[in-house]
Amino acid sequence: MSTVKSPVEKKRLSLLNDCRNMYWWNDKASRKLIPLGRQRGHQALRRAANRSLQNAGRFIDEDAAIAAEQEARDSIKARKRDLFRKMSDFPLGKVLNAQRTGDRTPLYRSWSKT
């Protein structure tokens, strides 16, 4: 049984400790949509690398092939920053406040720090 007896204190602790999914989809959909987001990101990485290397197949010059390989590495490095990342759930109090005000930026500022 809870050591907190006051309903006001219980509500305050609930808003601090309970969390909500903020992916903008059903929390049960996360089971399929998180892997899909990861798949799309990795597919974009492969496409970026293949674009550069397909052009290298046309070159006979070794320097041009090395330059194309370096370009592929650079494009992969640039795309890796934009890969799908899972977000932890947000505290219920912050979510309700964001819904009330219609402003979700404070949620994502707090998420980006973690």
PDB file of N, CA and C in Angstrom:
ATOM      1  N   MET A   1       0.841  -1.183   0.000  1.00  0.00           N
ATOM      2  CA  MET A   1       0.000   0.000   0.000  1.00  0.00           C
ATOM      3  C   MET A   1       0.886   1.247   0.000  1.00  0.00           C
ATOM      4  N   SER A   2       0.375   2.288  -0.598  1.00  0.00           N
ATOM      5  CA  SER A   2       1.126   3.528  -0.736  1.00  0.00           C
ATOM      6  C   SER A   2       1.328   4.206   0.618  1.00  0.00           C
ATOM      7  N   THR A   3       2.491   4.804   0.780  1.00  0.00           N
ATOM      8  CA  THR A   3       2.760   5.550   2.011  1.00  0.00           C
ATOM      9  C   THR A   3       2.166   6.950   1.944  1.00  0.00           C
ATOM     10  N   VAL A   4       1.833   7.406   0.730  1.00  0.00           N
ATOM     11  CA  VAL A   4       1.249   8.730   0.546  1.00  0.00           C
ATOM     12  C   VAL A   4      -0.257   8.625   0.772  1.00  0.00           C
ATOM     13  N   LYS A   5      -0.778   9.429   1.665  1.00  0.00           N
ATOM     14  CA  LYS A   5      -2.199   9.346   2.009  1.00  0.00           C
ATOM     15  C   LYS A   5      -3.022  10.482   1.412  1.00  0.00           C
ATOM     16  N   SER A   6      -2.426  11.625   1.200  1.00  0.00           N
ATOM     17  CA  SER A   6      -3.159  12.785   0.717  1.00  0.00           C
ATOM     18  C   SER A   6      -3.467  12.630  -0.777  1.00  0.00           C
ATOM     19  N   PRO A   7      -4.707  12.845  -1.209  1.00  0.00           N
ATOM     20  CA  PRO A   7      -5.036  12.756  -2.632  1.00  0.00           C
ATOM     21  C   PRO A   7      -4.271  13.778  -3.479  1.00  0.00           C
ATOM     22  N   VAL A   8      -4.028  14.944  -2.925  1.00  0.00           N
ATOM     23  CA  VAL A   8      -3.279  15.974  -3.660  1.00  0.00           C
ATOM     24  C   VAL A   8      -1.848  15.507  -3.895  1.00  0.00           C
ATOM     25  N   GLU A   9      -1.246  14.922  -2.870  1.00  0.00           N
ATOM     26  CA  GLU A   9       0.122  14.414  -2.994  1.00  0.00           C
ATOM     27  C   GLU A   9       0.174  13.236  -3.971  1.00  0.00           C
ATOM     28  N   LYS A  10      -0.847  12.374  -3.925  1.00  0.00           N
ATOM     29  CA  LYS A  10      -0.908  11.245  -4.857  1.00  0.00           C
ATOM     30  C   LYS A  10      -0.981  11.743  -6.295  1.00  0.00           C
ATOM     31  N   LYS A  11      -1.790  12.758  -6.532  1.00  0.00           N
ATOM     32  CA  LYS A  11      -1.939  13.312  -7.876  1.00  0.00           C
ATOM     33  C   LYS A  11      -0.631  13.936  -8.348  1.00  0.00           C
ATOM     34  N   ARG A  12       0.041  14.660  -7.472  1.00  0.00           N
ATOM     35  CA  ARG A  12       1.318  15.290  -7.828  1.00  0.00           C
ATOM     36  C   ARG A  12       2.345  14.231  -8.202  1.00  0.00           C
ATOM     37  N   LEU A  13       2.441  13.179  -7.401  1.00  0.00           N
ATOM     38  CA  LEU A  13       3.391  12.103  -7.688  1.00  0.00           C
ATOM     39  C   LEU A  13       3.023  11.359  -8.967  1.00  0.00           C
ATOM     40  N   SER A  14       1.730  11.204  -9.208  1.00  0.00           N
ATOM     41  CA  SER A  14       1.285  10.540 -10.429  1.00  0.00           C
ATOM     42  C   SER A  14       1.706  11.337 -11.659  1.00  0.00           C
ATOM     43  N   LEU A  15       1.543  12.651 -11.614  1.00  0.00           N
ATOM     44  CA  LEU A  15       1.924  13.493 -12.748  1.00  0.00           C
ATOM     45  C   LEU A  15       3.431  13.488 -12.969  1.00  0.00           C
ATOM     46  N   LEU A  16       4.197  13.286 -11.911  1.00  0.00           N
ATOM     47  CA  LEU A  16       5.655  13.232 -12.047  1.00  0.00           C
ATOM     48  C   LEU A  16       6.137  11.880 -12.558  1.00  0.00           C
ATOM     49  N   ASN A  17       5.539  10.799 -12.050  1.00  0.00           N
ATOM     50  CA  ASN A  17       6.086   9.465 -12.307  1.00  0.00           C
ATOM     51  C   ASN A  17       5.466   8.751 -13.500  1.00  0.00           C
ATOM     52  N   ASP A  18       4.174   8.941 -13.752  1.00  0.00           N
ATOM     53  CA  ASP A  18       3.530   8.261 -14.872  1.00  0.00           C
ATOM     54  C   ASP A  18       4.007   8.888 -16.172  1.00  0.00           C
ATOM     55  N   CYS A  19       4.177   8.063 -17.198  1.00  0.00           N
ATOM     56  CA  CYS A  19       4.682   8.556 -18.478  1.00  0.00           C
ATOM     57  C   CYS A  19       3.705   8.230 -19.596  1.00  0.00           C
ATOM     58  N   ARG A  20       3.810   8.997 -20.681  1.00  0.00           N
ATOM     59  CA  ARG A  20       2.959   8.789 -21.843  1.00  0.00           C
ATOM     60  C   ARG A  20       3.804   8.764 -23.104  1.00  0.00           C
ATOM     61  N   ASN A  21       3.351   7.960 -24.045  1.00  0.00           N
ATOM     62  CA  ASN A  21       3.977   7.831 -25.352  1.00  0.00           C
ATOM     63  C   ASN A  21       3.641   9.077 -26.172  1.00  0.00           C
ATOM     64  N   MET A  22       4.638   9.692 -26.783  1.00  0.00           N
ATOM     65  CA  MET A  22       4.389  10.891 -27.584  1.00  0.00           C
ATOM     66  C   MET A  22       4.852  10.717 -29.028  1.00  0.00           C
ATOM     67  N   TYR A  23       4.728   9.517 -29.566  1.00  0.00           N
ATOM     68  CA  TYR A  23       5.075   9.303 -30.968  1.00  0.00           C
ATOM     69  C   TYR A  23       3.941   9.726 -31.904  1.00  0.00           C
ATOM     70  N   TRP A  24       2.825  10.192 -31.386  1.00  0.00           N
ATOM     71  CA  TRP A  24       1.628  10.571 -32.140  1.00  0.00           C
ATOM     72  C   TRP A  24       0.948   9.377 -32.774  1.00  0.00           C
ATOM     73  N   TRP A  25       1.186   8.204 -32.262  1.00  0.00           N
ATOM     74  CA  TRP A  25       0.419   7.059 -32.717  1.00  0.00           C
ATOM     75  C   TRP A  25       0.063   6.226 -31.503  1.00  0.00           C
ATOM     76  N   ASN A  26      -0.772   5.291 -31.704  1.00  0.00           N
ATOM     77  CA  ASN A  26      -1.213   4.401 -30.644  1.00  0.00           C
ATOM     78  C   ASN A  26      -0.004   3.734 -30.003  1.00  0.00           C
ATOM     79  N   ASP A  27       0.015   3.611 -28.693  1.00  0.00           N
ATOM     80  CA  ASP A  27       1.184   3.028 -28.029  1.00  0.00           C
ATOM     81  C   ASP A  27       1.393   1.575 -28.439  1.00  0.00           C
ATOM     82  N   LYS A  28       0.336   0.896 -28.853  1.00  0.00           N
ATOM     83  CA  LYS A  28       0.499  -0.485 -29.309  1.00  0.00           C
ATOM     84  C   LYS A  28       1.076  -0.536 -30.723  1.00  0.00           C
ATOM     85  N   ALA A  29       0.919   0.541 -31.479  1.00  0.00           N
ATOM     86  CA  ALA A  29       1.459   0.595 -32.833  1.00  0.00           C
ATOM     87  C   ALA A  29       2.976   0.713 -32.818  1.00  0.00           C
ATOM     88  N   SER A  30       3.544   1.124 -31.701  1.00  0.00           N
ATOM     89  CA  SER A  30       4.998   1.263 -31.596  1.00  0.00           C
ATOM     90  C   SER A  30       5.698  -0.050 -31.903  1.00  0.00           C
ATOM     91  N   ARG A  31       5.024  -1.144 -31.599  1.00  0.00           N
ATOM     92  CA  ARG A  31       5.608  -2.471 -31.827  1.00  0.00           C
ATOM     93  C   ARG A  31       5.983  -2.654 -33.295  1.00  0.00           C
ATOM     94  N   LYS A  32       5.192  -2.094 -34.197  1.00  0.00           N
ATOM     95  CA  LYS A  32       5.488  -2.243 -35.620  1.00  0.00           C
ATOM     96  C   LYS A  32       6.152  -1.006 -36.216  1.00  0.00           C
ATOM     97  N   LEU A  33       5.815   0.175 -35.715  1.00  0.00           N
ATOM     98  CA  LEU A  33       6.296   1.394 -36.348  1.00  0.00           C
ATOM     99  C   LEU A  33       7.725   1.760 -35.968  1.00  0.00           C
ATOM    100  N   ILE A  34       8.183   1.370 -34.785  1.00  0.00           N
ATOM    101  CA  ILE A  34       9.577   1.645 -34.423  1.00  0.00           C
ATOM    102  C   ILE A  34      10.522   0.851 -35.319  1.00  0.00           C
ATOM    103  N   PRO A  35      10.320  -0.465 -35.512  1.00  0.00           N
ATOM    104  CA  PRO A  35      11.191  -1.183 -36.452  1.00  0.00           C
ATOM    105  C   PRO A  35      11.089  -0.640 -37.876  1.00  0.00           C
ATOM    106  N   LEU A  36       9.895  -0.180 -38.276  1.00  0.00           N
ATOM    107  CA  LEU A  36       9.737   0.378 -39.611  1.00  0.00           C
ATOM    108  C   LEU A  36      10.552   1.660 -39.769  1.00  0.00           C
ATOM    109  N   GLY A  37      10.550   2.497 -38.745  1.00  0.00           N
ATOM    110  CA  GLY A  37      11.352   3.719 -38.789  1.00  0.00           C
ATOM    111  C   GLY A  37      12.837   3.418 -38.867  1.00  0.00           C
ATOM    112  N   ARG A  38      13.265   2.412 -38.117  1.00  0.00           N
ATOM    113  CA  ARG A  38      14.675   2.015 -38.179  1.00  0.00           C
ATOM    114  C   ARG A  38      15.015   1.474 -39.568  1.00  0.00           C
ATOM    115  N   GLN A  39      14.109   0.691 -40.142  1.00  0.00           N
ATOM    116  CA  GLN A  39      14.338   0.114 -41.461  1.00  0.00           C
ATOM    117  C   GLN A  39      14.478   1.210 -42.514  1.00  0.00           C
ATOM    118  N   ARG A  40      13.605   2.208 -42.452  1.00  0.00           N
ATOM    119  CA  ARG A  40      13.672   3.304 -43.423  1.00  0.00           C
ATOM    120  C   ARG A  40      14.989   4.065 -43.325  1.00  0.00           C
ATOM    121  N   GLY A  41      15.470   4.266 -42.116  1.00  0.00           N
ATOM    122  CA  GLY A  41      16.731   4.977 -41.944  1.00  0.00           C
ATOM    123  C   GLY A  41      17.908   4.210 -42.520  1.00  0.00           C
ATOM    124  N   HIS A  42      17.952   2.908 -42.251  1.00  0.00           N
ATOM    125  CA  HIS A  42      19.055   2.095 -42.765  1.00  0.00           C
ATOM    126  C   HIS A  42      18.972   1.958 -44.284  1.00  0.00           C
ATOM    127  N   GLN A  43      17.750   1.920 -44.802  1.00  0.00           N
ATOM    128  CA  GLN A  43      17.575   1.852 -46.244  1.00  0.00           C
ATOM    129  C   GLN A  43      18.085   3.137 -46.901  1.00  0.00           C
ATOM    130  N   ALA A  44      17.848   4.269 -46.273  1.00  0.00           N
ATOM    131  CA  ALA A  44      18.348   5.544 -46.798  1.00  0.00           C
ATOM    132  C   ALA A  44      19.874   5.570 -46.793  1.00  0.00           C
ATOM    133  N   LEU A  45      20.487   4.969 -45.762  1.00  0.00           N
ATOM    134  CA  LEU A  45      21.951   4.883 -45.728  1.00  0.00           C
ATOM    135  C   LEU A  45      22.478   4.068 -46.900  1.00  0.00           C
ATOM    136  N   ARG A  46      21.852   2.927 -47.144  1.00  0.00           N
ATOM    137  CA  ARG A  46      22.308   2.076 -48.251  1.00  0.00           C
ATOM    138  C   ARG A  46      22.143   2.779 -49.591  1.00  0.00           C
ATOM    139  N   ARG A  47      21.026   3.486 -49.755  1.00  0.00           N
ATOM    140  CA  ARG A  47      20.797   4.196 -51.017  1.00  0.00           C
ATOM    141  C   ARG A  47      21.822   5.301 -51.227  1.00  0.00           C
ATOM    142  N   ALA A  48      22.151   6.025 -50.163  1.00  0.00           N
ATOM    143  CA  ALA A  48      23.133   7.108 -50.280  1.00  0.00           C
ATOM    144  C   ALA A  48      24.489   6.555 -50.697  1.00  0.00           C
ATOM    145  N   ALA A  49      24.864   5.419 -50.135  1.00  0.00           N
ATOM    146  CA  ALA A  49      26.150   4.817 -50.486  1.00  0.00           C
ATOM    147  C   ALA A  49      26.124   4.294 -51.917  1.00  0.00           C
ATOM    148  N   ASN A  50      25.021   3.669 -52.307  1.00  0.00           N
ATOM    149  CA  ASN A  50      24.945   3.090 -53.650  1.00  0.00           C
ATOM    150  C   ASN A  50      24.942   4.152 -54.735  1.00  0.00           C
ATOM    151  N   ARG A  51      24.328   5.310 -54.462  1.00  0.00           N
ATOM    152  CA  ARG A  51      24.303   6.380 -55.455  1.00  0.00           C
ATOM    153  C   ARG A  51      25.719   6.791 -55.850  1.00  0.00           C
ATOM    154  N   SER A  52      26.572   6.950 -54.852  1.00  0.00           N
ATOM    155  CA  SER A  52      27.942   7.377 -55.133  1.00  0.00           C
ATOM    156  C   SER A  52      28.732   6.270 -55.806  1.00  0.00           C
ATOM    157  N   LEU A  53      28.530   5.053 -55.356  1.00  0.00           N
ATOM    158  CA  LEU A  53      29.331   3.947 -55.884  1.00  0.00           C
ATOM    159  C   LEU A  53      28.882   3.515 -57.275  1.00  0.00           C
ATOM    160  N   GLN A  54      27.634   3.745 -57.638  1.00  0.00           N
ATOM    161  CA  GLN A  54      27.187   3.418 -58.993  1.00  0.00           C
ATOM    162  C   GLN A  54      27.901   4.297 -60.009  1.00  0.00           C
ATOM    163  N   ASN A  55      28.096   5.550 -59.653  1.00  0.00           N
ATOM    164  CA  ASN A  55      28.832   6.439 -60.551  1.00  0.00           C
ATOM    165  C   ASN A  55      30.287   6.017 -60.651  1.00  0.00           C
ATOM    166  N   ALA A  56      30.835   5.438 -59.597  1.00  0.00           N
ATOM    167  CA  ALA A  56      32.233   5.013 -59.617  1.00  0.00           C
ATOM    168  C   ALA A  56      32.434   3.848 -60.569  1.00  0.00           C
ATOM    169  N   GLY A  57      31.407   3.063 -60.817  1.00  0.00           N
ATOM    170  CA  GLY A  57      31.522   1.932 -61.736  1.00  0.00           C
ATOM    171  C   GLY A  57      31.778   2.377 -63.160  1.00  0.00           C
ATOM    172  N   ARG A  58      31.417   3.596 -63.477  1.00  0.00           N
ATOM    173  CA  ARG A  58      31.620   4.114 -64.834  1.00  0.00           C
ATOM    174  C   ARG A  58      33.039   4.634 -65.053  1.00  0.00           C
ATOM    175  N   PHE A  59      33.738   4.901 -63.956  1.00  0.00           N
ATOM    176  CA  PHE A  59      35.079   5.474 -64.081  1.00  0.00           C
ATOM    177  C   PHE A  59      36.116   4.369 -64.229  1.00  0.00           C
ATOM    178  N   ILE A  60      37.095   4.650 -65.038  1.00  0.00           N
ATOM    179  CA  ILE A  60      38.218   3.732 -65.170  1.00  0.00           C
ATOM    180  C   ILE A  60      39.375   4.231 -64.316  1.00  0.00           C
ATOM    181  N   ASP A  61      39.425   5.535 -64.128  1.00  0.00           N
ATOM    182  CA  ASP A  61      40.504   6.161 -63.379  1.00  0.00           C
ATOM    183  C   ASP A  61      40.424   5.768 -61.900  1.00  0.00           C
ATOM    184  N   GLU A  62      41.558   5.385 -61.329  1.00  0.00           N
ATOM    185  CA  GLU A  62      41.591   4.955 -59.931  1.00  0.00           C
ATOM    186  C   GLU A  62      41.324   6.119 -58.982  1.00  0.00           C
ATOM    187  N   ASP A  63      41.818   7.304 -59.315  1.00  0.00           N
ATOM    188  CA  ASP A  63      41.591   8.469 -58.458  1.00  0.00           C
ATOM    189  C   ASP A  63      40.102   8.813 -58.375  1.00  0.00           C
ATOM    190  N   ALA A  64      39.411   8.689 -59.489  1.00  0.00           N
ATOM    191  CA  ALA A  64      37.973   8.973 -59.493  1.00  0.00           C
ATOM    192  C   ALA A  64      37.222   7.942 -58.655  1.00  0.00           C
ATOM    193  N   ALA A  65      37.664   6.698 -58.695  1.00  0.00           N
ATOM    194  CA  ALA A  65      37.021   5.650 -57.893  1.00  0.00           C
ATOM    195  C   ALA A  65      37.237   5.906 -56.402  1.00  0.00           C
ATOM    196  N   ILE A  66      38.439   6.338 -56.044  1.00  0.00           N
ATOM    197  CA  ILE A  66      38.732   6.651 -54.636  1.00  0.00           C
ATOM    198  C   ILE A  66      37.893   7.842 -54.184  1.00  0.00           C
ATOM    199  N   ALA A  67      37.758   8.842 -55.056  1.00  0.00           N
ATOM    200  CA  ALA A  67      36.941  10.013 -54.718  1.00  0.00           C
ATOM    201  C   ALA A  67      35.476   9.616 -54.527  1.00  0.00           C
ATOM    202  N   ALA A  68      34.982   8.704 -55.364  1.00  0.00           N
ATOM    203  CA  ALA A  68      33.592   8.250 -55.234  1.00  0.00           C
ATOM    204  C   ALA A  68      33.395   7.477 -53.935  1.00  0.00           C
ATOM    205  N   GLU A  69      34.385   6.682 -53.562  1.00  0.00           N
ATOM    206  CA  GLU A  69      34.292   5.931 -52.303  1.00  0.00           C
ATOM    207  C   GLU A  69      34.269   6.889 -51.110  1.00  0.00           C
ATOM    208  N   GLN A  70      35.093   7.933 -51.173  1.00  0.00           N
ATOM    209  CA  GLN A  70      35.108   8.928 -50.100  1.00  0.00           C
ATOM    210  C   GLN A  70      33.775   9.680 -50.037  1.00  0.00           C
ATOM    211  N   GLU A  71      33.217   9.963 -51.201  1.00  0.00           N
ATOM    212  CA  GLU A  71      31.913  10.633 -51.252  1.00  0.00           C
ATOM    213  C   GLU A  71      30.827   9.746 -50.628  1.00  0.00           C
ATOM    214  N   ALA A  72      30.910   8.443 -50.861  1.00  0.00           N
ATOM    215  CA  ALA A  72      29.947   7.508 -50.263  1.00  0.00           C
ATOM    216  C   ALA A  72      30.074   7.513 -48.744  1.00  0.00           C
ATOM    217  N   ARG A  73      31.299   7.516 -48.250  1.00  0.00           N
ATOM    218  CA  ARG A  73      31.511   7.554 -46.793  1.00  0.00           C
ATOM    219  C   ARG A  73      30.967   8.846 -46.190  1.00  0.00           C
ATOM    220  N   ASP A  74      31.203   9.961 -46.883  1.00  0.00           N
ATOM    221  CA  ASP A  74      30.716  11.250 -46.384  1.00  0.00           C
ATOM    222  C   ASP A  74      29.190  11.304 -46.363  1.00  0.00           C
ATOM    223  N   SER A  75      28.560  10.762 -47.405  1.00  0.00           N
ATOM    224  CA  SER A  75      27.094  10.800 -47.444  1.00  0.00           C
ATOM    225  C   SER A  75      26.500   9.902 -46.365  1.00  0.00           C
ATOM    226  N   ILE A  76      27.154   8.778 -46.069  1.00  0.00           N
ATOM    227  CA  ILE A  76      26.686   7.902 -44.987  1.00  0.00           C
ATOM    228  C   ILE A  76      26.828   8.617 -43.653  1.00  0.00           C
ATOM    229  N   LYS A  77      27.954   9.289 -43.459  1.00  0.00           N
ATOM    230  CA  LYS A  77      28.185  10.001 -42.200  1.00  0.00           C
ATOM    231  C   LYS A  77      27.140  11.104 -42.005  1.00  0.00           C
ATOM    232  N   ALA A  78      26.800  11.801 -43.079  1.00  0.00           N
ATOM    233  CA  ALA A  78      25.806  12.872 -42.988  1.00  0.00           C
ATOM    234  C   ALA A  78      24.417  12.310 -42.695  1.00  0.00           C
ATOM    235  N   ARG A  79      24.086  11.176 -43.276  1.00  0.00           N
ATOM    236  CA  ARG A  79      22.756  10.582 -43.074  1.00  0.00           C
ATOM    237  C   ARG A  79      22.613   9.928 -41.708  1.00  0.00           C
ATOM    238  N   LYS A  80      23.713   9.475 -41.117  1.00  0.00           N
ATOM    239  CA  LYS A  80      23.630   8.788 -39.828  1.00  0.00           C
ATOM    240  C   LYS A  80      23.080   9.701 -38.746  1.00  0.00           C
ATOM    241  N   ARG A  81      23.315  10.998 -38.876  1.00  0.00           N
ATOM    242  CA  ARG A  81      22.807  11.940 -37.885  1.00  0.00           C
ATOM    243  C   ARG A  81      21.286  12.008 -37.900  1.00  0.00           C
ATOM    244  N   ASP A  82      20.681  11.710 -39.052  1.00  0.00           N
ATOM    245  CA  ASP A  82      19.233  11.831 -39.198  1.00  0.00           C
ATOM    246  C   ASP A  82      18.498  10.506 -39.031  1.00  0.00           C
ATOM    247  N   LEU A  83      19.177   9.479 -38.553  1.00  0.00           N
ATOM    248  CA  LEU A  83      18.530   8.183 -38.390  1.00  0.00           C
ATOM    249  C   LEU A  83      17.429   8.243 -37.342  1.00  0.00           C
ATOM    250  N   PHE A  84      16.503   7.326 -37.435  1.00  0.00           N
ATOM    251  CA  PHE A  84      15.400   7.224 -36.481  1.00  0.00           C
ATOM    252  C   PHE A  84      15.954   6.890 -35.106  1.00  0.00           C
ATOM    253  N   ARG A  85      15.477   7.605 -34.102  1.00  0.00           N
ATOM    254  CA  ARG A  85      15.880   7.314 -32.722  1.00  0.00           C
ATOM    255  C   ARG A  85      14.635   7.155 -31.877  1.00  0.00           C
ATOM    256  N   LYS A  86      14.672   6.196 -30.998  1.00  0.00           N
ATOM    257  CA  LYS A  86      13.541   6.010 -30.100  1.00  0.00           C
ATOM    258  C   LYS A  86      13.549   7.121 -29.058  1.00  0.00           C
ATOM    259  N   MET A  87      12.357   7.551 -28.663  1.00  0.00           N
ATOM    260  CA  MET A  87      12.221   8.550 -27.614  1.00  0.00           C
ATOM    261  C   MET A  87      11.683   7.873 -26.371  1.00  0.00           C
ATOM    262  N   SER A  88      12.185   8.289 -25.250  1.00  0.00           N
ATOM    263  CA  SER A  88      11.598   7.786 -24.016  1.00  0.00           C
ATOM    264  C   SER A  88      10.251   8.478 -23.817  1.00  0.00           C
ATOM    265  N   ASP A  89       9.408   7.868 -23.015  1.00  0.00           N
ATOM    266  CA  ASP A  89       8.100   8.456 -22.742  1.00  0.00           C
ATOM    267  C   ASP A  89       8.264   9.716 -21.899  1.00  0.00           C
ATOM    268  N   PHE A  90       7.302  10.620 -22.013  1.00  0.00           N
ATOM    269  CA  PHE A  90       7.348  11.884 -21.298  1.00  0.00           C
ATOM    270  C   PHE A  90       6.495  11.819 -20.041  1.00  0.00           C
ATOM    271  N   PRO A  91       6.867  12.560 -18.991  1.00  0.00           N
ATOM    272  CA  PRO A  91       6.046  12.594 -17.776  1.00  0.00           C
ATOM    273  C   PRO A  91       4.634  13.096 -18.086  1.00  0.00           C
ATOM    274  N   LEU A  92       3.672  12.487 -17.441  1.00  0.00           N
ATOM    275  CA  LEU A  92       2.269  12.794 -17.701  1.00  0.00           C
ATOM    276  C   LEU A  92       1.953  14.269 -17.477  1.00  0.00           C
ATOM    277  N   GLY A  93       2.526  14.883 -16.467  1.00  0.00           N
ATOM    278  CA  GLY A  93       2.267  16.295 -16.197  1.00  0.00           C
ATOM    279  C   GLY A  93       2.687  17.181 -17.355  1.00  0.00           C
ATOM    280  N   LYS A  94       3.844  16.905 -17.942  1.00  0.00           N
ATOM    281  CA  LYS A  94       4.319  17.704 -19.075  1.00  0.00           C
ATOM    282  C   LYS A  94       3.448  17.474 -20.306  1.00  0.00           C
ATOM    283  N   VAL A  95       3.015  16.230 -20.512  1.00  0.00           N
ATOM    284  CA  VAL A  95       2.173  15.916 -21.665  1.00  0.00           C
ATOM    285  C   VAL A  95       0.833  16.637 -21.561  1.00  0.00           C
ATOM    286  N   LEU A  96       0.218  16.593 -20.387  1.00  0.00           N
ATOM    287  CA  LEU A  96      -1.071  17.265 -20.207  1.00  0.00           C
ATOM    288  C   LEU A  96      -0.935  18.772 -20.366  1.00  0.00           C
ATOM    289  N   ASN A  97       0.159  19.327 -19.876  1.00  0.00           N
ATOM    290  CA  ASN A  97       0.398  20.760 -20.029  1.00  0.00           C
ATOM    291  C   ASN A  97       0.584  21.115 -21.502  1.00  0.00           C
ATOM    292  N   ALA A  98       1.305  20.284 -22.246  1.00  0.00           N
ATOM    293  CA  ALA A  98       1.514  20.529 -23.674  1.00  0.00           C
ATOM    294  C   ALA A  98       0.200  20.421 -24.439  1.00  0.00           C
ATOM    295  N   GLN A  99      -0.657  19.475 -24.058  1.00  0.00           N
ATOM    296  CA  GLN A  99      -1.958  19.351 -24.717  1.00  0.00           C
ATOM    297  C   GLN A  99      -2.842  20.554 -24.409  1.00  0.00           C
ATOM    298  N   ARG A 100      -2.759  21.044 -23.195  1.00  0.00           N
ATOM    299  CA  ARG A 100      -3.567  22.193 -22.793  1.00  0.00           C
ATOM    300  C   ARG A 100      -3.144  23.439 -23.563  1.00  0.00           C
ATOM    301  N   THR A 101      -1.841  23.665 -23.675  1.00  0.00           N
ATOM    302  CA  THR A 101      -1.347  24.875 -24.337  1.00  0.00           C
ATOM    303  C   THR A 101      -1.212  24.702 -25.844  1.00  0.00           C
ATOM    304  N   GLY A 102      -1.121  23.464 -26.310  1.00  0.00           N
ATOM    305  CA  GLY A 102      -0.941  23.214 -27.738  1.00  0.00           C
ATOM    306  C   GLY A 102       0.497  23.363 -28.190  1.00  0.00           C
ATOM    307  N   ASP A 103       1.416  23.543 -27.272  1.00  0.00           N
ATOM    308  CA  ASP A 103       2.830  23.736 -27.607  1.00  0.00           C
ATOM    309  C   ASP A 103       3.626  22.530 -27.134  1.00  0.00           C
ATOM    310  N   ARG A 104       4.217  21.789 -28.065  1.00  0.00           N
ATOM    311  CA  ARG A 104       4.963  20.586 -27.700  1.00  0.00           C
ATOM    312  C   ARG A 104       6.471  20.805 -27.679  1.00  0.00           C
ATOM    313  N   THR A 105       6.920  22.003 -27.988  1.00  0.00           N
ATOM    314  CA  THR A 105       8.364  22.228 -28.034  1.00  0.00           C
ATOM    315  C   THR A 105       9.060  22.010 -26.698  1.00  0.00           C
ATOM    316  N   PRO A 106       8.463  22.355 -25.543  1.00  0.00           N
ATOM    317  CA  PRO A 106       9.177  22.074 -24.287  1.00  0.00           C
ATOM    318  C   PRO A 106       9.448  20.586 -24.085  1.00  0.00           C
ATOM    319  N   LEU A 107       8.541  19.743 -24.585  1.00  0.00           N
ATOM    320  CA  LEU A 107       8.747  18.299 -24.455  1.00  0.00           C
ATOM    321  C   LEU A 107       9.997  17.873 -25.206  1.00  0.00           C
ATOM    322  N   TYR A 108      10.139  18.364 -26.423  1.00  0.00           N
ATOM    323  CA  TYR A 108      11.256  17.924 -27.243  1.00  0.00           C
ATOM    324  C   TYR A 108      12.565  18.576 -26.843  1.00  0.00           C
ATOM    325  N   ARG A 109      12.492  19.747 -26.239  1.00  0.00           N
ATOM    326  CA  ARG A 109      13.724  20.324 -25.699  1.00  0.00           C
ATOM    327  C   ARG A 109      14.234  19.468 -24.556  1.00  0.00           C
ATOM    328  N   SER A 110      13.329  19.008 -23.700  1.00  0.00           N
ATOM    329  CA  SER A 110      13.756  18.171 -22.572  1.00  0.00           C
ATOM    330  C   SER A 110      14.235  16.820 -23.069  1.00  0.00           C
ATOM    331  N   TRP A 111      13.646  16.302 -24.165  1.00  0.00           N
ATOM    332  CA  TRP A 111      14.058  15.006 -24.694  1.00  0.00           C
ATOM    333  C   TRP A 111      15.433  15.091 -25.344  1.00  0.00           C
ATOM    334  N   SER A 112      15.721  16.201 -26.027  1.00  0.00           N
ATOM    335  CA  SER A 112      16.992  16.313 -26.739  1.00  0.00           C
ATOM    336  C   SER A 112      18.175  16.412 -25.783  1.00  0.00           C
ATOM    337  N   LYS A 113      17.942  16.802 -24.532  1.00  0.00           N
ATOM    338  CA  LYS A 113      19.037  16.886 -23.563  1.00  0.00           C
ATOM    339  C   LYS A 113      19.469  15.509 -23.088  1.00  0.00           C
ATOM    340  N   THR A 114      18.585  14.515 -23.172  1.00  0.00           N
ATOM    341  CA  THR A 114      18.909  13.177 -22.681  1.00  0.00           C
ATOM    342  C   THR A 114      19.600  12.356 -23.716  1.00  0.00           C
TER     343      THR A 114
END
